[in-house]
């Protein structure tokens, strides 16, 4: 099987239960490399639960999942998949550039920090402490961190949360 024929994501009959509550029931999804997909649903529909499974942070109660033909954890370990989550803490006292450098150093083939700063419009904020950033600026740092490992599969979980209208437009451009 060649790499292009291998699905980026193959989820088959995914179920996830928490006690007597079914968060996911029979989810099936196949994504090929290069496809762009949006998961839409009301709060509590199971979107974040599914993303946790895709990222290897949770194991489904039932069903099979693979990312590029391997377990989600292995795909994350190999820097094939990364995520920009809506929330999450960042190191205290760190500065933008230093934090990106730190995360990039964890990957075998990172995108250069200067390129990440430019792509995420953070160049002017490179020396700013993380605790002095606005919500939208923090989201751009989260994007840079998600891109640092040069992943083939990128998950964006509400990436424009905390951004004003102009910042949202710039993000999607």
N, C-alpha and C. Protein backbone atom coordinates (compact mmCIF):
# COMPACT_ATOMS: atom_id res chain seq x y z
N UNK A 1 0.85 -1.18 0.00
CA UNK A 1 0.00 0.00 0.00
C UNK A 1 0.89 1.23 0.00
N UNK A 2 0.70 2.15 -0.96
CA UNK A 2 1.54 3.34 -0.97
C UNK A 2 0.99 4.39 -0.01
N UNK A 3 1.85 5.39 0.29
CA UNK A 3 1.49 6.39 1.30
C UNK A 3 0.24 7.17 0.91
N UNK A 4 0.06 7.45 -0.39
CA UNK A 4 -1.10 8.23 -0.79
C UNK A 4 -2.39 7.44 -0.66
N UNK A 5 -2.32 6.11 -0.71
CA UNK A 5 -3.52 5.29 -0.57
C UNK A 5 -3.87 5.04 0.89
N UNK A 6 -2.93 5.32 1.79
CA UNK A 6 -3.18 5.13 3.22
C UNK A 6 -3.98 6.30 3.75
N UNK A 7 -5.13 6.06 4.35
CA UNK A 7 -5.91 7.17 4.91
C UNK A 7 -5.12 7.91 5.99
N UNK A 8 -5.29 9.21 6.02
CA UNK A 8 -4.72 10.00 7.11
C UNK A 8 -5.41 9.60 8.41
N UNK A 9 -6.70 9.34 8.33
CA UNK A 9 -7.48 8.92 9.49
C UNK A 9 -8.48 7.86 9.06
N UNK A 10 -8.53 6.78 9.80
CA UNK A 10 -9.52 5.74 9.58
C UNK A 10 -10.15 5.42 10.93
N UNK A 11 -11.40 5.83 11.11
CA UNK A 11 -12.15 5.55 12.34
C UNK A 11 -13.33 4.66 11.97
N UNK A 12 -13.42 3.51 12.63
CA UNK A 12 -14.45 2.54 12.30
C UNK A 12 -15.24 2.15 13.54
N UNK A 13 -16.54 2.46 13.51
CA UNK A 13 -17.46 2.07 14.58
C UNK A 13 -16.98 2.49 15.97
N UNK A 14 -16.57 3.75 16.07
CA UNK A 14 -16.04 4.27 17.33
C UNK A 14 -17.18 4.54 18.32
N UNK A 15 -17.04 3.95 19.48
CA UNK A 15 -17.96 4.19 20.60
C UNK A 15 -17.12 4.66 21.78
N UNK A 16 -17.66 5.58 22.54
CA UNK A 16 -17.01 6.00 23.78
C UNK A 16 -18.10 6.23 24.82
N UNK A 17 -17.98 5.53 25.91
CA UNK A 17 -18.96 5.64 26.99
C UNK A 17 -18.27 6.08 28.26
N UNK A 18 -18.99 6.86 29.03
CA UNK A 18 -18.56 7.27 30.36
C UNK A 18 -19.66 6.82 31.31
N UNK A 19 -19.45 5.68 31.93
CA UNK A 19 -20.52 5.10 32.74
C UNK A 19 -21.67 4.69 31.84
N UNK A 20 -22.85 5.22 32.13
CA UNK A 20 -24.03 4.90 31.33
C UNK A 20 -24.28 5.94 30.24
N UNK A 21 -23.37 6.87 30.07
CA UNK A 21 -23.54 7.93 29.07
C UNK A 21 -22.70 7.59 27.84
N UNK A 22 -23.36 7.55 26.68
CA UNK A 22 -22.66 7.33 25.42
C UNK A 22 -22.26 8.68 24.83
N UNK A 23 -20.97 8.96 24.82
CA UNK A 23 -20.48 10.20 24.22
C UNK A 23 -20.38 10.06 22.70
N UNK A 24 -20.03 8.86 22.24
CA UNK A 24 -19.94 8.56 20.81
C UNK A 24 -20.57 7.21 20.55
N UNK A 25 -21.32 7.12 19.46
CA UNK A 25 -21.95 5.84 19.09
C UNK A 25 -21.77 5.60 17.60
N UNK A 26 -20.94 4.65 17.27
CA UNK A 26 -20.81 4.21 15.89
C UNK A 26 -20.25 5.24 14.93
N UNK A 27 -19.25 5.99 15.33
CA UNK A 27 -18.65 7.00 14.45
C UNK A 27 -17.75 6.31 13.43
N UNK A 28 -17.97 6.62 12.17
CA UNK A 28 -17.14 6.13 11.07
C UNK A 28 -16.66 7.33 10.27
N UNK A 29 -15.36 7.41 10.05
CA UNK A 29 -14.81 8.54 9.30
C UNK A 29 -13.50 8.11 8.66
N UNK A 30 -13.38 8.39 7.37
CA UNK A 30 -12.13 8.16 6.65
C UNK A 30 -11.72 9.48 6.02
N UNK A 31 -10.50 9.90 6.31
CA UNK A 31 -9.94 11.12 5.72
C UNK A 31 -8.68 10.74 4.95
N UNK A 32 -8.60 11.20 3.73
CA UNK A 32 -7.40 10.96 2.93
C UNK A 32 -6.46 12.15 3.08
N UNK A 33 -5.16 11.95 2.87
CA UNK A 33 -4.22 13.07 2.97
C UNK A 33 -4.67 14.24 2.10
N UNK A 34 -4.59 15.43 2.65
CA UNK A 34 -4.96 16.64 1.93
C UNK A 34 -6.40 17.07 2.10
N UNK A 35 -7.24 16.20 2.61
CA UNK A 35 -8.65 16.56 2.82
C UNK A 35 -8.78 17.52 4.00
N UNK A 36 -9.75 18.41 3.90
CA UNK A 36 -10.07 19.34 4.98
C UNK A 36 -11.50 19.06 5.39
N UNK A 37 -11.70 18.84 6.68
CA UNK A 37 -13.01 18.47 7.21
C UNK A 37 -13.28 19.28 8.46
N UNK A 38 -14.53 19.66 8.65
CA UNK A 38 -14.96 20.33 9.88
C UNK A 38 -15.92 19.42 10.62
N UNK A 39 -15.68 19.26 11.90
CA UNK A 39 -16.63 18.53 12.76
C UNK A 39 -17.51 19.56 13.43
N UNK A 40 -18.79 19.49 13.16
CA UNK A 40 -19.73 20.45 13.72
C UNK A 40 -20.72 19.73 14.62
N UNK A 41 -21.14 20.40 15.67
CA UNK A 41 -22.13 19.83 16.56
C UNK A 41 -22.33 20.73 17.76
N UNK A 42 -23.43 20.52 18.43
CA UNK A 42 -23.73 21.31 19.62
C UNK A 42 -22.78 20.91 20.74
N UNK A 43 -22.72 21.74 21.78
CA UNK A 43 -21.92 21.40 22.95
C UNK A 43 -22.38 20.05 23.48
N UNK A 44 -21.41 19.22 23.83
CA UNK A 44 -21.73 17.90 24.37
C UNK A 44 -21.99 16.84 23.32
N UNK A 45 -21.78 17.17 22.04
CA UNK A 45 -22.05 16.21 20.97
C UNK A 45 -20.96 15.15 20.83
N UNK A 46 -19.81 15.36 21.46
CA UNK A 46 -18.74 14.37 21.41
C UNK A 46 -17.56 14.75 20.53
N UNK A 47 -17.55 15.98 20.03
CA UNK A 47 -16.45 16.41 19.15
C UNK A 47 -15.10 16.32 19.86
N UNK A 48 -15.01 16.89 21.05
CA UNK A 48 -13.74 16.87 21.79
C UNK A 48 -13.36 15.45 22.20
N UNK A 49 -14.35 14.64 22.54
CA UNK A 49 -14.08 13.24 22.88
C UNK A 49 -13.47 12.53 21.67
N UNK A 50 -14.02 12.77 20.49
CA UNK A 50 -13.48 12.15 19.28
C UNK A 50 -12.05 12.64 19.02
N UNK A 51 -11.81 13.94 19.19
CA UNK A 51 -10.46 14.47 18.98
C UNK A 51 -9.48 13.86 19.96
N UNK A 52 -9.90 13.66 21.21
CA UNK A 52 -9.03 13.01 22.20
C UNK A 52 -8.64 11.61 21.72
N UNK A 53 -9.56 10.90 21.11
CA UNK A 53 -9.27 9.56 20.60
C UNK A 53 -8.31 9.64 19.41
N UNK A 54 -8.54 10.59 18.51
CA UNK A 54 -7.67 10.77 17.35
C UNK A 54 -6.24 11.11 17.78
N UNK A 55 -6.11 11.85 18.87
CA UNK A 55 -4.79 12.25 19.36
C UNK A 55 -4.16 11.21 20.29
N UNK A 56 -4.86 10.12 20.54
CA UNK A 56 -4.31 9.09 21.41
C UNK A 56 -4.38 9.43 22.88
N UNK A 57 -5.17 10.44 23.23
CA UNK A 57 -5.33 10.83 24.63
C UNK A 57 -6.37 9.98 25.33
N UNK A 58 -7.19 9.30 24.56
CA UNK A 58 -8.22 8.40 25.10
C UNK A 58 -8.32 7.20 24.17
N UNK A 59 -8.76 6.09 24.72
CA UNK A 59 -8.97 4.86 23.95
C UNK A 59 -10.47 4.64 23.83
N UNK A 60 -10.96 4.37 22.62
CA UNK A 60 -12.40 4.18 22.48
C UNK A 60 -12.87 2.94 23.24
N UNK A 61 -14.09 3.01 23.74
CA UNK A 61 -14.71 1.86 24.39
C UNK A 61 -14.85 0.71 23.41
N UNK A 62 -15.11 1.06 22.15
CA UNK A 62 -15.28 0.06 21.09
C UNK A 62 -14.86 0.71 19.78
N UNK A 63 -14.40 -0.09 18.84
CA UNK A 63 -14.06 0.40 17.52
C UNK A 63 -12.56 0.46 17.29
N UNK A 64 -12.20 0.80 16.06
CA UNK A 64 -10.80 0.86 15.66
C UNK A 64 -10.49 2.23 15.08
N UNK A 65 -9.28 2.70 15.36
CA UNK A 65 -8.84 3.98 14.82
C UNK A 65 -7.37 3.90 14.46
N UNK A 66 -7.03 4.48 13.31
CA UNK A 66 -5.63 4.57 12.92
C UNK A 66 -5.38 5.92 12.26
N UNK A 67 -4.18 6.39 12.42
CA UNK A 67 -3.72 7.62 11.78
C UNK A 67 -2.51 7.24 10.94
N UNK A 68 -2.63 7.41 9.62
CA UNK A 68 -1.59 6.96 8.69
C UNK A 68 -1.21 5.50 8.92
N UNK A 69 -2.22 4.68 9.21
CA UNK A 69 -2.02 3.25 9.35
C UNK A 69 -1.40 2.80 10.66
N UNK A 70 -1.28 3.70 11.62
CA UNK A 70 -0.69 3.34 12.91
C UNK A 70 -1.57 3.86 14.04
N UNK A 71 -1.24 3.50 15.25
CA UNK A 71 -2.02 3.98 16.38
C UNK A 71 -1.89 5.49 16.48
N UNK A 72 -2.92 6.16 17.00
CA UNK A 72 -2.82 7.61 17.17
C UNK A 72 -1.59 8.03 17.99
N UNK A 73 -1.29 7.32 19.05
CA UNK A 73 -0.13 7.68 19.87
C UNK A 73 1.17 7.60 19.08
N UNK A 74 1.29 6.58 18.24
CA UNK A 74 2.51 6.44 17.42
C UNK A 74 2.58 7.58 16.40
N UNK A 75 1.46 7.95 15.81
CA UNK A 75 1.44 9.05 14.84
C UNK A 75 1.84 10.37 15.50
N UNK A 76 1.37 10.60 16.72
CA UNK A 76 1.76 11.81 17.46
C UNK A 76 3.25 11.75 17.78
N UNK A 77 3.72 10.59 18.24
CA UNK A 77 5.13 10.44 18.59
C UNK A 77 6.03 10.73 17.39
N UNK A 78 5.58 10.36 16.20
CA UNK A 78 6.36 10.59 14.98
C UNK A 78 6.13 11.98 14.38
N UNK A 79 5.42 12.83 15.08
CA UNK A 79 5.13 14.20 14.63
C UNK A 79 4.29 14.24 13.36
N UNK A 80 3.54 13.18 13.07
CA UNK A 80 2.67 13.16 11.90
C UNK A 80 1.38 13.91 12.15
N UNK A 81 0.96 13.98 13.40
CA UNK A 81 -0.28 14.64 13.77
C UNK A 81 0.00 15.59 14.93
N UNK A 82 -0.67 16.72 14.88
CA UNK A 82 -0.54 17.72 15.94
C UNK A 82 -1.89 18.42 16.09
N UNK A 83 -2.03 19.13 17.18
CA UNK A 83 -3.31 19.80 17.43
C UNK A 83 -3.11 21.16 18.07
N UNK A 84 -3.99 22.05 17.70
CA UNK A 84 -4.13 23.34 18.37
C UNK A 84 -5.46 23.26 19.10
N UNK A 85 -5.37 23.10 20.40
CA UNK A 85 -6.58 22.96 21.19
C UNK A 85 -7.07 24.33 21.64
N UNK A 86 -8.35 24.41 21.94
CA UNK A 86 -8.97 25.68 22.30
C UNK A 86 -8.37 26.27 23.56
N UNK A 87 -8.06 25.41 24.50
CA UNK A 87 -7.51 25.88 25.76
C UNK A 87 -6.28 25.06 26.09
N UNK A 88 -5.59 25.50 27.07
CA UNK A 88 -4.40 24.79 27.52
C UNK A 88 -3.43 25.77 28.12
N UNK A 89 -2.69 25.30 29.07
CA UNK A 89 -1.74 26.19 29.72
C UNK A 89 -0.47 26.28 28.90
N UNK A 90 0.28 27.33 29.18
CA UNK A 90 1.59 27.52 28.57
C UNK A 90 2.56 27.77 29.71
N UNK A 91 3.84 27.56 29.46
CA UNK A 91 4.82 27.75 30.54
C UNK A 91 4.74 29.16 31.13
N UNK A 92 4.82 29.23 32.44
CA UNK A 92 4.82 30.53 33.10
C UNK A 92 6.19 31.18 32.94
N UNK A 93 6.18 32.45 32.68
CA UNK A 93 7.43 33.19 32.59
C UNK A 93 8.16 33.03 31.28
N UNK A 94 7.69 32.12 30.43
CA UNK A 94 8.35 31.93 29.15
C UNK A 94 8.02 33.06 28.19
N UNK A 95 8.85 33.22 27.19
CA UNK A 95 8.60 34.20 26.15
C UNK A 95 8.20 33.46 24.88
N UNK A 96 7.59 34.18 23.96
CA UNK A 96 7.03 33.57 22.76
C UNK A 96 8.09 32.75 22.02
N UNK A 97 9.21 33.39 21.63
CA UNK A 97 10.24 32.70 20.85
C UNK A 97 10.80 31.50 21.61
N UNK A 98 11.13 31.69 22.88
CA UNK A 98 11.73 30.60 23.66
C UNK A 98 10.78 29.40 23.74
N UNK A 99 9.50 29.67 23.88
CA UNK A 99 8.52 28.58 23.98
C UNK A 99 8.43 27.82 22.66
N UNK A 100 8.42 28.55 21.56
CA UNK A 100 8.38 27.90 20.24
C UNK A 100 9.66 27.11 20.02
N UNK A 101 10.81 27.69 20.38
CA UNK A 101 12.09 26.97 20.26
C UNK A 101 12.06 25.67 21.05
N UNK A 102 11.53 25.73 22.26
CA UNK A 102 11.48 24.55 23.13
C UNK A 102 10.65 23.44 22.50
N UNK A 103 9.46 23.78 22.01
CA UNK A 103 8.59 22.78 21.40
C UNK A 103 9.20 22.26 20.09
N UNK A 104 9.77 23.15 19.29
CA UNK A 104 10.38 22.72 18.03
C UNK A 104 11.52 21.73 18.28
N UNK A 105 12.26 21.91 19.37
CA UNK A 105 13.38 21.03 19.68
C UNK A 105 12.94 19.60 19.99
N UNK A 106 11.67 19.40 20.25
CA UNK A 106 11.15 18.06 20.54
C UNK A 106 10.89 17.25 19.28
N UNK A 107 11.00 17.87 18.12
CA UNK A 107 10.65 17.23 16.85
C UNK A 107 11.89 16.99 15.98
N UNK A 108 11.82 15.94 15.16
CA UNK A 108 12.94 15.58 14.30
C UNK A 108 13.14 16.57 13.16
N UNK A 109 12.07 17.07 12.57
CA UNK A 109 12.16 17.97 11.41
C UNK A 109 11.28 19.20 11.62
N UNK A 110 11.61 20.03 12.60
CA UNK A 110 10.74 21.17 12.89
C UNK A 110 10.80 22.25 11.82
N UNK A 111 9.74 23.03 11.78
CA UNK A 111 9.75 24.24 10.97
C UNK A 111 10.60 25.25 11.73
N UNK A 112 11.50 25.98 11.05
CA UNK A 112 12.33 26.97 11.75
C UNK A 112 11.48 28.00 12.50
N UNK A 113 11.94 28.38 13.67
CA UNK A 113 11.18 29.30 14.52
C UNK A 113 10.86 30.60 13.82
N UNK A 114 11.82 31.18 13.10
CA UNK A 114 11.55 32.44 12.40
C UNK A 114 10.41 32.29 11.40
N UNK A 115 10.36 31.16 10.72
CA UNK A 115 9.27 30.91 9.77
C UNK A 115 7.93 30.78 10.51
N UNK A 116 7.93 30.08 11.64
CA UNK A 116 6.70 29.95 12.43
C UNK A 116 6.23 31.31 12.93
N UNK A 117 7.16 32.12 13.41
CA UNK A 117 6.80 33.45 13.89
C UNK A 117 6.17 34.27 12.77
N UNK A 118 6.76 34.20 11.58
CA UNK A 118 6.23 34.95 10.45
C UNK A 118 4.86 34.42 10.02
N UNK A 119 4.73 33.10 9.89
CA UNK A 119 3.47 32.49 9.43
C UNK A 119 2.32 32.75 10.38
N UNK A 120 2.61 32.91 11.67
CA UNK A 120 1.56 33.12 12.66
C UNK A 120 1.48 34.58 13.12
N UNK A 121 2.18 35.46 12.41
CA UNK A 121 2.16 36.89 12.70
C UNK A 121 2.57 37.18 14.15
N UNK A 122 3.64 36.53 14.59
CA UNK A 122 4.14 36.71 15.95
C UNK A 122 5.53 37.32 16.00
N UNK A 123 6.09 37.69 14.87
CA UNK A 123 7.47 38.20 14.84
C UNK A 123 7.66 39.37 15.80
N UNK A 124 6.74 40.31 15.80
CA UNK A 124 6.88 41.48 16.68
C UNK A 124 6.66 41.14 18.16
N UNK A 125 6.11 39.97 18.41
CA UNK A 125 5.83 39.56 19.79
C UNK A 125 6.83 38.52 20.30
N UNK A 126 7.87 38.24 19.54
CA UNK A 126 8.80 37.14 19.85
C UNK A 126 9.41 37.24 21.25
N UNK A 127 9.68 38.45 21.71
CA UNK A 127 10.33 38.63 23.02
C UNK A 127 9.34 38.87 24.15
N UNK A 128 8.05 38.89 23.82
CA UNK A 128 7.04 39.18 24.83
C UNK A 128 6.79 37.96 25.72
N UNK A 129 6.66 38.19 27.03
CA UNK A 129 6.30 37.08 27.93
C UNK A 129 4.90 36.56 27.59
N UNK A 130 4.74 35.26 27.70
CA UNK A 130 3.45 34.64 27.39
C UNK A 130 2.31 35.20 28.24
N UNK A 131 2.61 35.54 29.49
CA UNK A 131 1.56 36.03 30.38
C UNK A 131 1.14 37.47 30.06
N UNK A 132 1.77 38.09 29.08
CA UNK A 132 1.41 39.45 28.67
C UNK A 132 0.67 39.47 27.33
N UNK A 133 0.29 38.30 26.84
CA UNK A 133 -0.39 38.22 25.54
C UNK A 133 -1.90 38.29 25.71
N UNK A 134 -2.56 38.84 24.70
CA UNK A 134 -4.03 38.83 24.67
C UNK A 134 -4.50 37.41 24.33
N UNK A 135 -5.80 37.19 24.44
CA UNK A 135 -6.35 35.88 24.11
C UNK A 135 -6.07 35.47 22.67
N UNK A 136 -6.23 36.40 21.75
CA UNK A 136 -5.96 36.11 20.34
C UNK A 136 -4.50 35.83 20.07
N UNK A 137 -3.62 36.58 20.74
CA UNK A 137 -2.18 36.35 20.59
C UNK A 137 -1.79 34.98 21.13
N UNK A 138 -2.41 34.58 22.24
CA UNK A 138 -2.14 33.25 22.81
C UNK A 138 -2.58 32.16 21.83
N UNK A 139 -3.69 32.38 21.15
CA UNK A 139 -4.15 31.41 20.16
C UNK A 139 -3.14 31.29 19.02
N UNK A 140 -2.56 32.40 18.61
CA UNK A 140 -1.55 32.34 17.54
C UNK A 140 -0.31 31.59 18.00
N UNK A 141 0.05 31.74 19.29
CA UNK A 141 1.17 30.96 19.83
C UNK A 141 0.81 29.48 19.80
N UNK A 142 -0.42 29.15 20.20
CA UNK A 142 -0.86 27.75 20.16
C UNK A 142 -0.76 27.18 18.74
N UNK A 143 -1.11 28.00 17.75
CA UNK A 143 -1.00 27.55 16.36
C UNK A 143 0.47 27.30 16.01
N UNK A 144 1.35 28.22 16.37
CA UNK A 144 2.78 28.04 16.09
C UNK A 144 3.30 26.76 16.74
N UNK A 145 2.87 26.50 17.96
CA UNK A 145 3.31 25.28 18.66
C UNK A 145 2.79 24.03 17.95
N UNK A 146 1.55 24.09 17.46
CA UNK A 146 0.99 22.94 16.75
C UNK A 146 1.70 22.70 15.42
N UNK A 147 2.14 23.76 14.78
CA UNK A 147 2.83 23.65 13.50
C UNK A 147 4.31 23.31 13.64
N UNK A 148 4.87 23.50 14.82
CA UNK A 148 6.32 23.40 15.03
C UNK A 148 6.92 22.10 14.50
N UNK A 149 6.25 20.99 14.69
CA UNK A 149 6.78 19.70 14.25
C UNK A 149 6.54 19.38 12.79
N UNK A 150 5.97 20.34 12.04
CA UNK A 150 5.69 20.16 10.62
C UNK A 150 4.80 18.94 10.37
N UNK A 151 3.64 18.88 11.06
CA UNK A 151 2.78 17.69 10.96
C UNK A 151 2.11 17.56 9.59
N UNK A 152 1.78 16.33 9.24
CA UNK A 152 1.00 16.07 8.03
C UNK A 152 -0.49 16.23 8.29
N UNK A 153 -0.91 16.04 9.53
CA UNK A 153 -2.32 16.05 9.92
C UNK A 153 -2.44 17.04 11.07
N UNK A 154 -3.17 18.13 10.85
CA UNK A 154 -3.30 19.18 11.85
C UNK A 154 -4.76 19.28 12.29
N UNK A 155 -4.97 19.23 13.60
CA UNK A 155 -6.30 19.36 14.18
C UNK A 155 -6.40 20.75 14.79
N UNK A 156 -7.44 21.48 14.42
CA UNK A 156 -7.69 22.81 14.97
C UNK A 156 -9.01 22.76 15.73
N UNK A 157 -8.96 22.95 17.03
CA UNK A 157 -10.16 22.92 17.87
C UNK A 157 -10.50 24.35 18.26
N UNK A 158 -11.49 24.92 17.58
CA UNK A 158 -11.92 26.30 17.79
C UNK A 158 -10.73 27.25 17.80
N UNK A 159 -9.98 27.28 16.69
CA UNK A 159 -8.73 28.04 16.66
C UNK A 159 -8.88 29.55 16.78
N UNK A 160 -10.06 30.08 16.48
CA UNK A 160 -10.21 31.54 16.56
C UNK A 160 -10.91 32.00 17.83
N UNK A 161 -11.07 31.09 18.80
CA UNK A 161 -11.66 31.48 20.09
C UNK A 161 -10.78 32.55 20.72
N UNK A 162 -11.41 33.59 21.22
CA UNK A 162 -10.67 34.67 21.87
C UNK A 162 -10.13 35.72 20.92
N UNK A 163 -10.40 35.58 19.62
CA UNK A 163 -9.91 36.55 18.64
C UNK A 163 -11.04 37.50 18.24
N UNK A 164 -10.66 38.75 17.97
CA UNK A 164 -11.64 39.68 17.45
C UNK A 164 -11.85 39.40 15.96
N UNK A 165 -12.79 40.11 15.34
CA UNK A 165 -13.17 39.83 13.95
C UNK A 165 -12.00 39.98 12.99
N UNK A 166 -11.18 41.02 13.16
CA UNK A 166 -10.03 41.21 12.26
C UNK A 166 -9.00 40.10 12.43
N UNK A 167 -8.76 39.71 13.66
CA UNK A 167 -7.80 38.63 13.91
C UNK A 167 -8.31 37.31 13.34
N UNK A 168 -9.62 37.08 13.42
CA UNK A 168 -10.20 35.86 12.84
C UNK A 168 -9.98 35.83 11.33
N UNK A 169 -10.25 36.94 10.69
CA UNK A 169 -10.07 37.01 9.23
C UNK A 169 -8.61 36.76 8.87
N UNK A 170 -7.69 37.41 9.59
CA UNK A 170 -6.26 37.23 9.32
C UNK A 170 -5.84 35.78 9.54
N UNK A 171 -6.40 35.15 10.56
CA UNK A 171 -6.06 33.75 10.85
C UNK A 171 -6.40 32.86 9.67
N UNK A 172 -7.60 33.01 9.13
CA UNK A 172 -8.04 32.12 8.06
C UNK A 172 -7.40 32.45 6.72
N UNK A 173 -6.86 33.66 6.58
CA UNK A 173 -6.16 34.01 5.33
C UNK A 173 -4.77 33.44 5.38
